[in-house]
């Protein structure tokens, strides 16, 4: 259970959930891209981050609410 909690925090950070470090790194990259007028790149970055967040949260759902499959060897 401790491993699942630790990996959950890591996945939340990579997904960019505030107040974790991944959120601030994505925020600073996005703000730099917008201030440099890379608007298309910024929109692409937001779309990719949102789709990746779906997969990370899906993994967390499987960790805590998925069925446990036992090997019957």
PDB file of N, CA and C in Angstrom:
ATOM      1  N   UNK A   1       0.822  -1.194   0.000  1.00  0.00           N
ATOM      2  CA  UNK A   1       0.000   0.000   0.000  1.00  0.00           C
ATOM      3  C   UNK A   1       0.865   1.257   0.000  1.00  0.00           C
ATOM      4  N   UNK A   2       2.007   1.200   0.673  1.00  0.00           N
ATOM      5  CA  UNK A   2       2.881   2.366   0.712  1.00  0.00           C
ATOM      6  C   UNK A   2       3.437   2.680  -0.668  1.00  0.00           C
ATOM      7  N   UNK A   3       3.713   1.622  -1.435  1.00  0.00           N
ATOM      8  CA  UNK A   3       4.228   1.837  -2.781  1.00  0.00           C
ATOM      9  C   UNK A   3       3.179   2.503  -3.663  1.00  0.00           C
ATOM     10  N   UNK A   4       1.936   2.100  -3.499  1.00  0.00           N
ATOM     11  CA  UNK A   4       0.861   2.702  -4.290  1.00  0.00           C
ATOM     12  C   UNK A   4       0.693   4.173  -3.943  1.00  0.00           C
ATOM     13  N   UNK A   5       0.784   4.531  -2.674  1.00  0.00           N
ATOM     14  CA  UNK A   5       0.667   5.937  -2.279  1.00  0.00           C
ATOM     15  C   UNK A   5       1.832   6.763  -2.809  1.00  0.00           C
ATOM     16  N   UNK A   6       3.026   6.213  -2.726  1.00  0.00           N
ATOM     17  CA  UNK A   6       4.202   6.916  -3.226  1.00  0.00           C
ATOM     18  C   UNK A   6       4.113   7.110  -4.740  1.00  0.00           C
ATOM     19  N   UNK A   7       3.726   6.062  -5.431  1.00  0.00           N
ATOM     20  CA  UNK A   7       3.615   6.158  -6.881  1.00  0.00           C
ATOM     21  C   UNK A   7       2.477   7.087  -7.291  1.00  0.00           C
ATOM     22  N   UNK A   8       1.431   7.168  -6.469  1.00  0.00           N
ATOM     23  CA  UNK A   8       0.340   8.101  -6.724  1.00  0.00           C
ATOM     24  C   UNK A   8       0.821   9.540  -6.651  1.00  0.00           C
ATOM     25  N   UNK A   9       1.624   9.856  -5.647  1.00  0.00           N
ATOM     26  CA  UNK A   9       2.167  11.216  -5.536  1.00  0.00           C
ATOM     27  C   UNK A   9       3.063  11.530  -6.731  1.00  0.00           C
ATOM     28  N   UNK A  10       3.857  10.565  -7.146  1.00  0.00           N
ATOM     29  CA  UNK A  10       4.732  10.761  -8.310  1.00  0.00           C
ATOM     30  C   UNK A  10       3.894  10.987  -9.573  1.00  0.00           C
ATOM     31  N   UNK A  11       2.844  10.202  -9.754  1.00  0.00           N
ATOM     32  CA  UNK A  11       2.004  10.368 -10.937  1.00  0.00           C
ATOM     33  C   UNK A  11       1.252  11.693 -10.912  1.00  0.00           C
ATOM     34  N   UNK A  12       0.795  12.122  -9.741  1.00  0.00           N
ATOM     35  CA  UNK A  12       0.151  13.427  -9.638  1.00  0.00           C
ATOM     36  C   UNK A  12       1.137  14.544  -9.979  1.00  0.00           C
ATOM     37  N   UNK A  13       2.381  14.391  -9.576  1.00  0.00           N
ATOM     38  CA  UNK A  13       3.383  15.400  -9.893  1.00  0.00           C
ATOM     39  C   UNK A  13       3.666  15.439 -11.386  1.00  0.00           C
ATOM     40  N   UNK A  14       3.805  14.278 -12.002  1.00  0.00           N
ATOM     41  CA  UNK A  14       4.062  14.218 -13.436  1.00  0.00           C
ATOM     42  C   UNK A  14       2.855  14.735 -14.222  1.00  0.00           C
ATOM     43  N   UNK A  15       1.654  14.488 -13.704  1.00  0.00           N
ATOM     44  CA  UNK A  15       0.443  14.964 -14.374  1.00  0.00           C
ATOM     45  C   UNK A  15       0.298  16.475 -14.265  1.00  0.00           C
ATOM     46  N   UNK A  16       0.936  17.082 -13.285  1.00  0.00           N
ATOM     47  CA  UNK A  16       0.864  18.530 -13.148  1.00  0.00           C
ATOM     48  C   UNK A  16      -0.231  18.994 -12.220  1.00  0.00           C
ATOM     49  N   UNK A  17      -0.535  18.210 -11.214  1.00  0.00           N
ATOM     50  CA  UNK A  17      -1.563  18.577 -10.246  1.00  0.00           C
ATOM     51  C   UNK A  17      -0.940  19.515  -9.213  1.00  0.00           C
ATOM     52  N   UNK A  18      -1.557  20.693  -8.982  1.00  0.00           N
ATOM     53  CA  UNK A  18      -0.989  21.607  -7.979  1.00  0.00           C
ATOM     54  C   UNK A  18      -1.157  21.026  -6.586  1.00  0.00           C
ATOM     55  N   UNK A  19      -0.349  21.270  -5.638  1.00  0.00           N
ATOM     56  CA  UNK A  19       0.818  22.132  -5.507  1.00  0.00           C
ATOM     57  C   UNK A  19       2.136  21.384  -5.665  1.00  0.00           C
ATOM     58  N   UNK A  20       2.145  20.321  -6.422  1.00  0.00           N
ATOM     59  CA  UNK A  20       3.355  19.509  -6.568  1.00  0.00           C
ATOM     60  C   UNK A  20       4.316  20.143  -7.577  1.00  0.00           C
ATOM     61  N   UNK A  21       5.542  19.650  -7.592  1.00  0.00           N
ATOM     62  CA  UNK A  21       6.612  20.265  -8.391  1.00  0.00           C
ATOM     63  C   UNK A  21       6.344  20.183  -9.892  1.00  0.00           C
ATOM     64  N   UNK A  22       5.694  19.118 -10.341  1.00  0.00           N
ATOM     65  CA  UNK A  22       5.404  18.975 -11.761  1.00  0.00           C
ATOM     66  C   UNK A  22       4.499  20.071 -12.286  1.00  0.00           C
ATOM     67  N   UNK A  23       3.596  20.540 -11.440  1.00  0.00           N
ATOM     68  CA  UNK A  23       2.708  21.638 -11.834  1.00  0.00           C
ATOM     69  C   UNK A  23       3.508  22.902 -12.120  1.00  0.00           C
ATOM     70  N   UNK A  24       4.421  23.228 -11.225  1.00  0.00           N
ATOM     71  CA  UNK A  24       5.188  24.461 -11.396  1.00  0.00           C
ATOM     72  C   UNK A  24       6.140  24.377 -12.583  1.00  0.00           C
ATOM     73  N   UNK A  25       6.710  23.209 -12.828  1.00  0.00           N
ATOM     74  CA  UNK A  25       7.592  23.090 -13.993  1.00  0.00           C
ATOM     75  C   UNK A  25       6.797  23.245 -15.284  1.00  0.00           C
ATOM     76  N   UNK A  26       5.612  22.631 -15.355  1.00  0.00           N
ATOM     77  CA  UNK A  26       4.783  22.798 -16.549  1.00  0.00           C
ATOM     78  C   UNK A  26       4.298  24.233 -16.682  1.00  0.00           C
ATOM     79  N   UNK A  27       3.975  24.862 -15.570  1.00  0.00           N
ATOM     80  CA  UNK A  27       3.509  26.242 -15.600  1.00  0.00           C
ATOM     81  C   UNK A  27       4.592  27.178 -16.131  1.00  0.00           C
ATOM     82  N   UNK A  28       5.820  27.021 -15.655  1.00  0.00           N
ATOM     83  CA  UNK A  28       6.901  27.899 -16.092  1.00  0.00           C
ATOM     84  C   UNK A  28       7.243  27.681 -17.557  1.00  0.00           C
ATOM     85  N   UNK A  29       7.208  26.441 -18.030  1.00  0.00           N
ATOM     86  CA  UNK A  29       7.453  26.166 -19.449  1.00  0.00           C
ATOM     87  C   UNK A  29       6.351  26.790 -20.297  1.00  0.00           C
ATOM     88  N   UNK A  30       5.106  26.654 -19.847  1.00  0.00           N
ATOM     89  CA  UNK A  30       3.987  27.215 -20.593  1.00  0.00           C
ATOM     90  C   UNK A  30       4.034  28.743 -20.619  1.00  0.00           C
ATOM     91  N   UNK A  31       4.336  29.359 -19.480  1.00  0.00           N
ATOM     92  CA  UNK A  31       4.424  30.820 -19.437  1.00  0.00           C
ATOM     93  C   UNK A  31       5.567  31.345 -20.303  1.00  0.00           C
ATOM     94  N   UNK A  32       6.668  30.627 -20.352  1.00  0.00           N
ATOM     95  CA  UNK A  32       7.788  31.023 -21.206  1.00  0.00           C
ATOM     96  C   UNK A  32       7.415  30.904 -22.682  1.00  0.00           C
ATOM     97  N   UNK A  33       6.718  29.835 -23.036  1.00  0.00           N
ATOM     98  CA  UNK A  33       6.302  29.664 -24.429  1.00  0.00           C
ATOM     99  C   UNK A  33       5.302  30.743 -24.838  1.00  0.00           C
ATOM    100  N   UNK A  34       4.379  31.095 -23.945  1.00  0.00           N
ATOM    101  CA  UNK A  34       3.401  32.136 -24.267  1.00  0.00           C
ATOM    102  C   UNK A  34       4.077  33.499 -24.372  1.00  0.00           C
ATOM    103  N   UNK A  35       5.002  33.794 -23.471  1.00  0.00           N
ATOM    104  CA  UNK A  35       5.682  35.089 -23.531  1.00  0.00           C
ATOM    105  C   UNK A  35       6.587  35.212 -24.752  1.00  0.00           C
ATOM    106  N   UNK A  36       7.027  34.075 -25.298  1.00  0.00           N
ATOM    107  CA  UNK A  36       7.829  34.091 -26.528  1.00  0.00           C
ATOM    108  C   UNK A  36       6.956  34.013 -27.776  1.00  0.00           C
ATOM    109  N   UNK A  37       5.644  34.067 -27.585  1.00  0.00           N
ATOM    110  CA  UNK A  37       4.643  34.056 -28.649  1.00  0.00           C
ATOM    111  C   UNK A  37       4.626  32.766 -29.457  1.00  0.00           C
ATOM    112  N   UNK A  38       4.855  31.657 -28.795  1.00  0.00           N
ATOM    113  CA  UNK A  38       4.694  30.336 -29.403  1.00  0.00           C
ATOM    114  C   UNK A  38       3.307  29.813 -29.027  1.00  0.00           C
ATOM    115  N   UNK A  39       2.279  30.394 -29.619  1.00  0.00           N
ATOM    116  CA  UNK A  39       0.919  30.073 -29.213  1.00  0.00           C
ATOM    117  C   UNK A  39       0.488  28.687 -29.674  1.00  0.00           C
ATOM    118  N   UNK A  40       0.851  28.306 -30.865  1.00  0.00           N
ATOM    119  CA  UNK A  40       0.488  26.977 -31.357  1.00  0.00           C
ATOM    120  C   UNK A  40       1.170  25.887 -30.535  1.00  0.00           C
ATOM    121  N   UNK A  41       2.414  26.108 -30.190  1.00  0.00           N
ATOM    122  CA  UNK A  41       3.138  25.162 -29.341  1.00  0.00           C
ATOM    123  C   UNK A  41       2.502  25.087 -27.954  1.00  0.00           C
ATOM    124  N   UNK A  42       2.043  26.213 -27.443  1.00  0.00           N
ATOM    125  CA  UNK A  42       1.400  26.243 -26.127  1.00  0.00           C
ATOM    126  C   UNK A  42       0.095  25.450 -26.128  1.00  0.00           C
ATOM    127  N   UNK A  43      -0.706  25.622 -27.181  1.00  0.00           N
ATOM    128  CA  UNK A  43      -1.961  24.875 -27.281  1.00  0.00           C
ATOM    129  C   UNK A  43      -1.672  23.381 -27.404  1.00  0.00           C
ATOM    130  N   UNK A  44      -0.673  23.025 -28.205  1.00  0.00           N
ATOM    131  CA  UNK A  44      -0.276  21.623 -28.353  1.00  0.00           C
ATOM    132  C   UNK A  44       0.192  21.046 -27.025  1.00  0.00           C
ATOM    133  N   UNK A  45       0.948  21.830 -26.264  1.00  0.00           N
ATOM    134  CA  UNK A  45       1.434  21.422 -24.949  1.00  0.00           C
ATOM    135  C   UNK A  45       0.265  21.176 -23.985  1.00  0.00           C
ATOM    136  N   UNK A  46      -0.716  22.036 -24.005  1.00  0.00           N
ATOM    137  CA  UNK A  46      -1.876  21.888 -23.120  1.00  0.00           C
ATOM    138  C   UNK A  46      -2.685  20.650 -23.486  1.00  0.00           C
ATOM    139  N   UNK A  47      -2.869  20.409 -24.784  1.00  0.00           N
ATOM    140  CA  UNK A  47      -3.621  19.227 -25.212  1.00  0.00           C
ATOM    141  C   UNK A  47      -2.891  17.943 -24.827  1.00  0.00           C
ATOM    142  N   UNK A  48      -1.585  17.910 -25.031  1.00  0.00           N
ATOM    143  CA  UNK A  48      -0.818  16.715 -24.668  1.00  0.00           C
ATOM    144  C   UNK A  48      -0.797  16.500 -23.158  1.00  0.00           C
ATOM    145  N   UNK A  49      -0.704  17.567 -22.389  1.00  0.00           N
ATOM    146  CA  UNK A  49      -0.710  17.438 -20.929  1.00  0.00           C
ATOM    147  C   UNK A  49      -2.050  16.928 -20.427  1.00  0.00           C
ATOM    148  N   UNK A  50      -3.130  17.400 -21.014  1.00  0.00           N
ATOM    149  CA  UNK A  50      -4.461  16.950 -20.605  1.00  0.00           C
ATOM    150  C   UNK A  50      -4.677  15.481 -20.946  1.00  0.00           C
ATOM    151  N   UNK A  51      -4.233  15.065 -22.129  1.00  0.00           N
ATOM    152  CA  UNK A  51      -4.408  13.658 -22.495  1.00  0.00           C
ATOM    153  C   UNK A  51      -3.511  12.753 -21.652  1.00  0.00           C
ATOM    154  N   UNK A  52      -2.318  13.190 -21.322  1.00  0.00           N
ATOM    155  CA  UNK A  52      -1.434  12.396 -20.470  1.00  0.00           C
ATOM    156  C   UNK A  52      -2.001  12.289 -19.066  1.00  0.00           C
ATOM    157  N   UNK A  53      -2.623  13.371 -18.592  1.00  0.00           N
ATOM    158  CA  UNK A  53      -3.229  13.368 -17.257  1.00  0.00           C
ATOM    159  C   UNK A  53      -4.318  12.300 -17.175  1.00  0.00           C
ATOM    160  N   UNK A  54      -5.068  12.094 -18.236  1.00  0.00           N
ATOM    161  CA  UNK A  54      -6.092  11.048 -18.270  1.00  0.00           C
ATOM    162  C   UNK A  54      -5.469   9.677 -18.015  1.00  0.00           C
ATOM    163  N   UNK A  55      -4.356   9.383 -18.644  1.00  0.00           N
ATOM    164  CA  UNK A  55      -3.729   8.078 -18.480  1.00  0.00           C
ATOM    165  C   UNK A  55      -3.116   7.916 -17.088  1.00  0.00           C
ATOM    166  N   UNK A  56      -2.529   8.980 -16.546  1.00  0.00           N
ATOM    167  CA  UNK A  56      -1.956   8.895 -15.206  1.00  0.00           C
ATOM    168  C   UNK A  56      -3.032   8.663 -14.163  1.00  0.00           C
ATOM    169  N   UNK A  57      -4.137   9.365 -14.269  1.00  0.00           N
ATOM    170  CA  UNK A  57      -5.215   9.189 -13.290  1.00  0.00           C
ATOM    171  C   UNK A  57      -5.876   7.828 -13.473  1.00  0.00           C
ATOM    172  N   UNK A  58      -5.893   7.307 -14.685  1.00  0.00           N
ATOM    173  CA  UNK A  58      -6.407   5.954 -14.919  1.00  0.00           C
ATOM    174  C   UNK A  58      -5.546   4.916 -14.191  1.00  0.00           C
ATOM    175  N   UNK A  59      -4.238   5.097 -14.204  1.00  0.00           N
ATOM    176  CA  UNK A  59      -3.356   4.194 -13.461  1.00  0.00           C
ATOM    177  C   UNK A  59      -3.640   4.245 -11.963  1.00  0.00           C
ATOM    178  N   UNK A  60      -3.858   5.432 -11.443  1.00  0.00           N
ATOM    179  CA  UNK A  60      -4.149   5.578 -10.023  1.00  0.00           C
ATOM    180  C   UNK A  60      -5.468   4.888  -9.677  1.00  0.00           C
ATOM    181  N   UNK A  61      -6.444   5.018 -10.557  1.00  0.00           N
ATOM    182  CA  UNK A  61      -7.724   4.344 -10.337  1.00  0.00           C
ATOM    183  C   UNK A  61      -7.538   2.827 -10.292  1.00  0.00           C
ATOM    184  N   UNK A  62      -6.704   2.304 -11.169  1.00  0.00           N
ATOM    185  CA  UNK A  62      -6.448   0.862 -11.188  1.00  0.00           C
ATOM    186  C   UNK A  62      -5.737   0.433  -9.910  1.00  0.00           C
ATOM    187  N   UNK A  63      -4.800   1.250  -9.403  1.00  0.00           N
ATOM    188  CA  UNK A  63      -4.080   0.908  -8.171  1.00  0.00           C
ATOM    189  C   UNK A  63      -5.030   0.708  -7.005  1.00  0.00           C
ATOM    190  N   UNK A  64      -5.974   1.628  -6.848  1.00  0.00           N
ATOM    191  CA  UNK A  64      -6.790   1.627  -5.647  1.00  0.00           C
ATOM    192  C   UNK A  64      -8.147   0.967  -5.803  1.00  0.00           C
ATOM    193  N   UNK A  65      -8.689   0.922  -7.017  1.00  0.00           N
ATOM    194  CA  UNK A  65     -10.042   0.389  -7.189  1.00  0.00           C
ATOM    195  C   UNK A  65     -10.111  -0.779  -8.149  1.00  0.00           C
ATOM    196  N   UNK A  66      -8.984  -1.199  -8.689  1.00  0.00           N
ATOM    197  CA  UNK A  66      -8.979  -2.311  -9.650  1.00  0.00           C
ATOM    198  C   UNK A  66      -9.084  -3.653  -8.953  1.00  0.00           C
ATOM    199  N   UNK A  67      -9.463  -4.632  -9.716  1.00  0.00           N
ATOM    200  CA  UNK A  67      -9.548  -5.990  -9.184  1.00  0.00           C
ATOM    201  C   UNK A  67      -8.170  -6.604  -9.121  1.00  0.00           C
ATOM    202  N   UNK A  68      -7.928  -7.347  -8.063  1.00  0.00           N
ATOM    203  CA  UNK A  68      -6.667  -8.033  -7.887  1.00  0.00           C
ATOM    204  C   UNK A  68      -6.772  -9.392  -8.545  1.00  0.00           C
ATOM    205  N   UNK A  69      -5.875  -9.654  -9.486  1.00  0.00           N
ATOM    206  CA  UNK A  69      -5.845 -10.922 -10.178  1.00  0.00           C
ATOM    207  C   UNK A  69      -4.718 -11.761  -9.602  1.00  0.00           C
ATOM    208  N   UNK A  70      -5.066 -12.945  -9.109  1.00  0.00           N
ATOM    209  CA  UNK A  70      -4.062 -13.831  -8.526  1.00  0.00           C
ATOM    210  C   UNK A  70      -3.625 -14.855  -9.549  1.00  0.00           C
ATOM    211  N   UNK A  71      -2.338 -15.141  -9.574  1.00  0.00           N
ATOM    212  CA  UNK A  71      -1.820 -16.183 -10.446  1.00  0.00           C
ATOM    213  C   UNK A  71      -2.155 -17.534  -9.845  1.00  0.00           C
ATOM    214  N   UNK A  72      -2.610 -18.458 -10.691  1.00  0.00           N
ATOM    215  CA  UNK A  72      -2.981 -19.787 -10.208  1.00  0.00           C
ATOM    216  C   UNK A  72      -2.054 -20.836 -10.789  1.00  0.00           C
ATOM    217  N   UNK A  73      -0.767 -20.595 -10.703  1.00  0.00           N
ATOM    218  CA  UNK A  73       0.210 -21.546 -11.233  1.00  0.00           C
ATOM    219  C   UNK A  73       0.566 -22.562 -10.195  1.00  0.00           C
TER     220      UNK A  73
END
